[in-house]
Amino acid sequence: MHIVLHQPEIPQNTGNIGRTCVATNTSLHLIEPLGFSINEKALKRAGMDYWPKLDVTKYIDYEDFKAKHPGAKIWYATTKAKHSYTDVSFGMDDYIMFGKESAGIPEEILVDNEENCIRIPMGEDIRSLNLSNSVAIVLYEALRQNEFKGLEREGELHRLHWKE
């Protein structure tokens, strides 16, 4: 699974998303320009000590990203989509793109990919959800559809044991 952030602006969101990607064995792709330095303290603090374990790739722009992933199945998360994220079938090698916090994915990209645009349903009076929350919602649905392949499904207590 792959998460793509198109020009993210807030380091804490990207740090949180990076941590989610590490927890789910998901690659993170960052399309520049970024609204922060990749070495920024806030980014690393939000990603905690997981950031060095993250599979992250940067691209100079959207065209660079597309050129390096020809034929990739890309889903575009946007509030403007006709289809809900639960209406589509995700594959384990799919890319899910999210736009910058202030403006989303540019409409020039969306109009060329209408059938692959997905949205998270929400009330009329809200513009959008927080970026890191949106990534978690859609990513976990994609992983659920693929039976959480490669992820630990059962946890253990730290001090006690489950009763049998």
C-alpha atoms as a PDB file:
ATOM      1  CA  MET A   1       0.000   0.000   0.000  1.00  0.00           C
ATOM      2  CA  HIS A   2       1.173   3.541  -0.718  1.00  0.00           C
ATOM      3  CA  ILE A   3       0.124   6.924   0.662  1.00  0.00           C
ATOM      4  CA  VAL A   4       0.904   9.985  -1.451  1.00  0.00           C
ATOM      5  CA  LEU A   5       0.809  13.502  -0.008  1.00  0.00           C
ATOM      6  CA  HIS A   6       0.616  16.215  -2.651  1.00  0.00           C
ATOM      7  CA  GLN A   7       2.341  19.330  -1.280  1.00  0.00           C
ATOM      8  CA  PRO A   8       1.608  18.815   2.444  1.00  0.00           C
ATOM      9  CA  GLU A   9       1.873  21.994   4.518  1.00  0.00           C
ATOM     10  CA  ILE A  10       1.753  20.996   8.203  1.00  0.00           C
ATOM     11  CA  PRO A  11       4.674  18.989   9.604  1.00  0.00           C
ATOM     12  CA  GLN A  12       2.665  17.483  12.475  1.00  0.00           C
ATOM     13  CA  ASN A  13       0.165  15.967  10.023  1.00  0.00           C
ATOM     14  CA  THR A  14       2.937  14.462   7.909  1.00  0.00           C
ATOM     15  CA  GLY A  15       4.648  13.148  11.042  1.00  0.00           C
ATOM     16  CA  ASN A  16       1.421  11.490  12.212  1.00  0.00           C
ATOM     17  CA  ILE A  17       0.861  10.026   8.748  1.00  0.00           C
ATOM     18  CA  GLY A  18       4.443   8.733   8.697  1.00  0.00           C
ATOM     19  CA  ARG A  19       3.832   6.955  11.998  1.00  0.00           C
ATOM     20  CA  THR A  20       0.630   5.398  10.615  1.00  0.00           C
ATOM     21  CA  CYS A  21       2.549   4.272   7.527  1.00  0.00           C
ATOM     22  CA  VAL A  22       5.223   2.575   9.649  1.00  0.00           C
ATOM     23  CA  ALA A  23       2.512   0.831  11.708  1.00  0.00           C
ATOM     24  CA  THR A  24       0.852  -0.501   8.542  1.00  0.00           C
ATOM     25  CA  ASN A  25       3.918  -1.331   6.404  1.00  0.00           C
ATOM     26  CA  THR A  26       2.830   1.398   3.992  1.00  0.00           C
ATOM     27  CA  SER A  27       5.160   3.525   1.867  1.00  0.00           C
ATOM     28  CA  LEU A  28       4.879   7.310   2.052  1.00  0.00           C
ATOM     29  CA  HIS A  29       5.397   9.468  -1.035  1.00  0.00           C
ATOM     30  CA  LEU A  30       5.822  13.243  -0.665  1.00  0.00           C
ATOM     31  CA  ILE A  31       5.301  15.515  -3.664  1.00  0.00           C
ATOM     32  CA  GLU A  32       7.032  18.896  -3.358  1.00  0.00           C
ATOM     33  CA  PRO A  33       6.921  21.683  -2.605  1.00  0.00           C
ATOM     34  CA  LEU A  34       6.512  20.819   1.073  1.00  0.00           C
ATOM     35  CA  GLY A  35       5.399  23.475   3.554  1.00  0.00           C
ATOM     36  CA  PHE A  36       8.208  22.469   5.922  1.00  0.00           C
ATOM     37  CA  SER A  37      11.674  20.962   6.043  1.00  0.00           C
ATOM     38  CA  ILE A  38      11.870  17.167   6.124  1.00  0.00           C
ATOM     39  CA  ASN A  39      14.270  17.601   9.072  1.00  0.00           C
ATOM     40  CA  GLU A  40      11.852  19.800  11.035  1.00  0.00           C
ATOM     41  CA  LYS A  41      11.557  19.017  14.742  1.00  0.00           C
ATOM     42  CA  ALA A  42       7.714  19.061  14.666  1.00  0.00           C
ATOM     43  CA  LEU A  43       7.691  16.434  11.915  1.00  0.00           C
ATOM     44  CA  LYS A  44       9.964  14.109  13.844  1.00  0.00           C
ATOM     45  CA  ARG A  45       8.158  14.733  17.145  1.00  0.00           C
ATOM     46  CA  ALA A  46       4.790  13.782  15.625  1.00  0.00           C
ATOM     47  CA  GLY A  47       6.363  10.729  13.970  1.00  0.00           C
ATOM     48  CA  MET A  48       8.171   9.963  17.223  1.00  0.00           C
ATOM     49  CA  ASP A  49      10.996   7.470  16.969  1.00  0.00           C
ATOM     50  CA  TYR A  50       9.291   5.755  14.018  1.00  0.00           C
ATOM     51  CA  TRP A  51      10.534   8.214  11.374  1.00  0.00           C
ATOM     52  CA  PRO A  52      13.846   6.361  10.692  1.00  0.00           C
ATOM     53  CA  LYS A  53      11.812   3.180   9.989  1.00  0.00           C
ATOM     54  CA  LEU A  54       9.615   4.932   7.404  1.00  0.00           C
ATOM     55  CA  ASP A  55       9.844   4.055   3.709  1.00  0.00           C
ATOM     56  CA  VAL A  56       9.567   7.606   2.347  1.00  0.00           C
ATOM     57  CA  THR A  57      10.277   8.995  -1.126  1.00  0.00           C
ATOM     58  CA  LYS A  58      10.207  12.641  -2.254  1.00  0.00           C
ATOM     59  CA  TYR A  59       9.360  13.917  -5.750  1.00  0.00           C
ATOM     60  CA  ILE A  60       9.976  17.359  -7.221  1.00  0.00           C
ATOM     61  CA  ASP A  61       6.411  17.557  -8.576  1.00  0.00           C
ATOM     62  CA  TYR A  62       3.395  15.484  -9.652  1.00  0.00           C
ATOM     63  CA  GLU A  63       4.892  14.812 -13.104  1.00  0.00           C
ATOM     64  CA  ASP A  64       8.032  13.395 -11.477  1.00  0.00           C
ATOM     65  CA  PHE A  65       5.869  11.116  -9.325  1.00  0.00           C
ATOM     66  CA  LYS A  66       3.846   9.908 -12.351  1.00  0.00           C
ATOM     67  CA  ALA A  67       6.997   9.308 -14.407  1.00  0.00           C
ATOM     68  CA  LYS A  68       8.473   7.117 -11.658  1.00  0.00           C
ATOM     69  CA  HIS A  69       5.270   5.054 -11.265  1.00  0.00           C
ATOM     70  CA  PRO A  70       3.902   4.461 -14.777  1.00  0.00           C
ATOM     71  CA  GLY A  71       0.705   2.437 -14.818  1.00  0.00           C
ATOM     72  CA  ALA A  72       0.191   2.731 -11.055  1.00  0.00           C
ATOM     73  CA  LYS A  73      -3.379   2.535  -9.756  1.00  0.00           C
ATOM     74  CA  ILE A  74      -3.909   5.874  -7.988  1.00  0.00           C
ATOM     75  CA  TRP A  75      -6.942   6.854  -5.919  1.00  0.00           C
ATOM     76  CA  TYR A  76      -7.437  10.590  -5.377  1.00  0.00           C
ATOM     77  CA  ALA A  77      -9.025  11.510  -2.033  1.00  0.00           C
ATOM     78  CA  THR A  78     -11.052  14.695  -2.396  1.00  0.00           C
ATOM     79  CA  THR A  79     -14.216  16.222  -0.973  1.00  0.00           C
ATOM     80  CA  LYS A  80     -15.351  16.776  -4.574  1.00  0.00           C
ATOM     81  CA  ALA A  81     -15.624  13.091  -5.585  1.00  0.00           C
ATOM     82  CA  LYS A  82     -18.803  11.249  -6.582  1.00  0.00           C
ATOM     83  CA  HIS A  83     -17.690   7.919  -5.056  1.00  0.00           C
ATOM     84  CA  SER A  84     -17.203   7.158  -1.380  1.00  0.00           C
ATOM     85  CA  TYR A  85     -13.970   5.443  -0.350  1.00  0.00           C
ATOM     86  CA  THR A  86     -16.083   2.438   0.681  1.00  0.00           C
ATOM     87  CA  ASP A  87     -17.491   2.076  -2.858  1.00  0.00           C
ATOM     88  CA  VAL A  88     -14.183   1.066  -4.459  1.00  0.00           C
ATOM     89  CA  SER A  89     -11.940  -2.002  -4.321  1.00  0.00           C
ATOM     90  CA  PHE A  90      -8.389  -1.285  -3.214  1.00  0.00           C
ATOM     91  CA  GLY A  91      -5.446  -3.469  -4.200  1.00  0.00           C
ATOM     92  CA  MET A  92      -2.349  -3.976  -2.063  1.00  0.00           C
ATOM     93  CA  ASP A  93      -0.163  -2.095  -4.567  1.00  0.00           C
ATOM     94  CA  ASP A  94      -2.510   0.882  -4.952  1.00  0.00           C
ATOM     95  CA  TYR A  95      -1.543   4.492  -4.273  1.00  0.00           C
ATOM     96  CA  ILE A  96      -3.916   6.769  -2.348  1.00  0.00           C
ATOM     97  CA  MET A  97      -3.225  10.459  -2.861  1.00  0.00           C
ATOM     98  CA  PHE A  98      -4.237  13.281  -0.530  1.00  0.00           C
ATOM     99  CA  GLY A  99      -3.821  17.000  -1.192  1.00  0.00           C
ATOM    100  CA  LYS A 100      -2.437  19.816   0.893  1.00  0.00           C
ATOM    101  CA  GLU A 101      -4.357  20.901   3.953  1.00  0.00           C
ATOM    102  CA  SER A 102      -5.432  24.324   2.629  1.00  0.00           C
ATOM    103  CA  ALA A 103      -6.618  23.371  -0.860  1.00  0.00           C
ATOM    104  CA  GLY A 104      -6.611  19.599  -1.480  1.00  0.00           C
ATOM    105  CA  ILE A 105      -5.473  18.025  -4.738  1.00  0.00           C
ATOM    106  CA  PRO A 106      -5.414  20.534  -7.635  1.00  0.00           C
ATOM    107  CA  GLU A 107      -8.533  20.323  -9.800  1.00  0.00           C
ATOM    108  CA  GLU A 108      -6.285  19.995 -12.886  1.00  0.00           C
ATOM    109  CA  ILE A 109      -5.306  16.569 -11.548  1.00  0.00           C
ATOM    110  CA  LEU A 110      -8.813  15.617 -10.439  1.00  0.00           C
ATOM    111  CA  VAL A 111     -10.564  16.291 -13.768  1.00  0.00           C
ATOM    112  CA  ASP A 112      -8.221  13.869 -15.530  1.00  0.00           C
ATOM    113  CA  ASN A 113      -8.964  11.128 -12.969  1.00  0.00           C
ATOM    114  CA  GLU A 114     -12.682  11.442 -12.171  1.00  0.00           C
ATOM    115  CA  GLU A 115     -13.355   7.694 -11.873  1.00  0.00           C
ATOM    116  CA  ASN A 116     -10.529   7.270  -9.358  1.00  0.00           C
ATOM    117  CA  CYS A 117     -11.627  10.146  -7.123  1.00  0.00           C
ATOM    118  CA  ILE A 118     -12.964   9.095  -3.716  1.00  0.00           C
ATOM    119  CA  ARG A 119     -14.379  10.988  -0.739  1.00  0.00           C
ATOM    120  CA  ILE A 120     -15.115  10.469   2.928  1.00  0.00           C
ATOM    121  CA  PRO A 121     -18.811  11.221   3.581  1.00  0.00           C
ATOM    122  CA  MET A 122     -19.420  14.088   6.021  1.00  0.00           C
ATOM    123  CA  GLY A 123     -21.966  16.771   6.875  1.00  0.00           C
ATOM    124  CA  GLU A 124     -22.601  19.765   4.632  1.00  0.00           C
ATOM    125  CA  ASP A 125     -21.229  22.391   6.999  1.00  0.00           C
ATOM    126  CA  ILE A 126     -17.679  21.033   7.119  1.00  0.00           C
ATOM    127  CA  ARG A 127     -15.042  21.678   4.445  1.00  0.00           C
ATOM    128  CA  SER A 128     -12.822  18.719   5.256  1.00  0.00           C
ATOM    129  CA  LEU A 129     -11.390  16.482   7.946  1.00  0.00           C
ATOM    130  CA  ASN A 130      -7.869  16.718   9.333  1.00  0.00           C
ATOM    131  CA  LEU A 131      -5.391  15.276   6.819  1.00  0.00           C
ATOM    132  CA  SER A 132      -3.874  12.666   9.132  1.00  0.00           C
ATOM    133  CA  ASN A 133      -7.360  11.496  10.181  1.00  0.00           C
ATOM    134  CA  SER A 134      -8.432  11.234   6.534  1.00  0.00           C
ATOM    135  CA  VAL A 135      -5.370   9.158   5.658  1.00  0.00           C
ATOM    136  CA  ALA A 136      -6.033   6.787   8.571  1.00  0.00           C
ATOM    137  CA  ILE A 137      -9.718   6.353   7.654  1.00  0.00           C
ATOM    138  CA  VAL A 138      -9.089   5.510   4.004  1.00  0.00           C
ATOM    139  CA  LEU A 139      -5.889   3.515   4.548  1.00  0.00           C
ATOM    140  CA  TYR A 140      -7.465   1.236   7.137  1.00  0.00           C
ATOM    141  CA  GLU A 141     -10.436   0.568   4.851  1.00  0.00           C
ATOM    142  CA  ALA A 142      -8.012  -0.363   2.060  1.00  0.00           C
ATOM    143  CA  LEU A 143      -6.115  -2.641   4.439  1.00  0.00           C
ATOM    144  CA  ARG A 144      -9.352  -4.176   5.744  1.00  0.00           C
ATOM    145  CA  GLN A 145     -10.397  -4.997   2.187  1.00  0.00           C
ATOM    146  CA  ASN A 146      -7.096  -6.837   1.811  1.00  0.00           C
ATOM    147  CA  GLU A 147      -7.532  -8.713   5.112  1.00  0.00           C
ATOM    148  CA  PHE A 148      -4.794  -6.669   6.843  1.00  0.00           C
ATOM    149  CA  LYS A 149      -2.185  -8.694   4.956  1.00  0.00           C
ATOM    150  CA  GLY A 150       1.140  -8.716   6.803  1.00  0.00           C
ATOM    151  CA  LEU A 151      -0.145  -6.948   9.906  1.00  0.00           C
ATOM    152  CA  GLU A 152      -0.336  -8.279  13.465  1.00  0.00           C
ATOM    153  CA  ARG A 153      -3.966  -9.014  14.238  1.00  0.00           C
ATOM    154  CA  GLU A 154      -3.796  -9.923  17.937  1.00  0.00           C
ATOM    155  CA  GLY A 155      -2.182  -8.138  20.865  1.00  0.00           C
ATOM    156  CA  GLU A 156      -0.916  -9.249  24.239  1.00  0.00           C
ATOM    157  CA  LEU A 157      -1.382  -7.625  27.612  1.00  0.00           C
ATOM    158  CA  HIS A 158       1.763  -6.109  29.151  1.00  0.00           C
ATOM    159  CA  ARG A 159       1.495  -7.321  32.747  1.00  0.00           C
ATOM    160  CA  LEU A 160      -1.411  -9.775  32.801  1.00  0.00           C
ATOM    161  CA  HIS A 161      -2.694 -12.565  30.570  1.00  0.00           C
ATOM    162  CA  TRP A 162      -6.052 -12.946  28.857  1.00  0.00           C
ATOM    163  CA  LYS A 163      -8.446 -15.284  30.661  1.00  0.00           C
ATOM    164  CA  GLU A 164      -9.212 -18.489  28.791  1.00  0.00           C
END
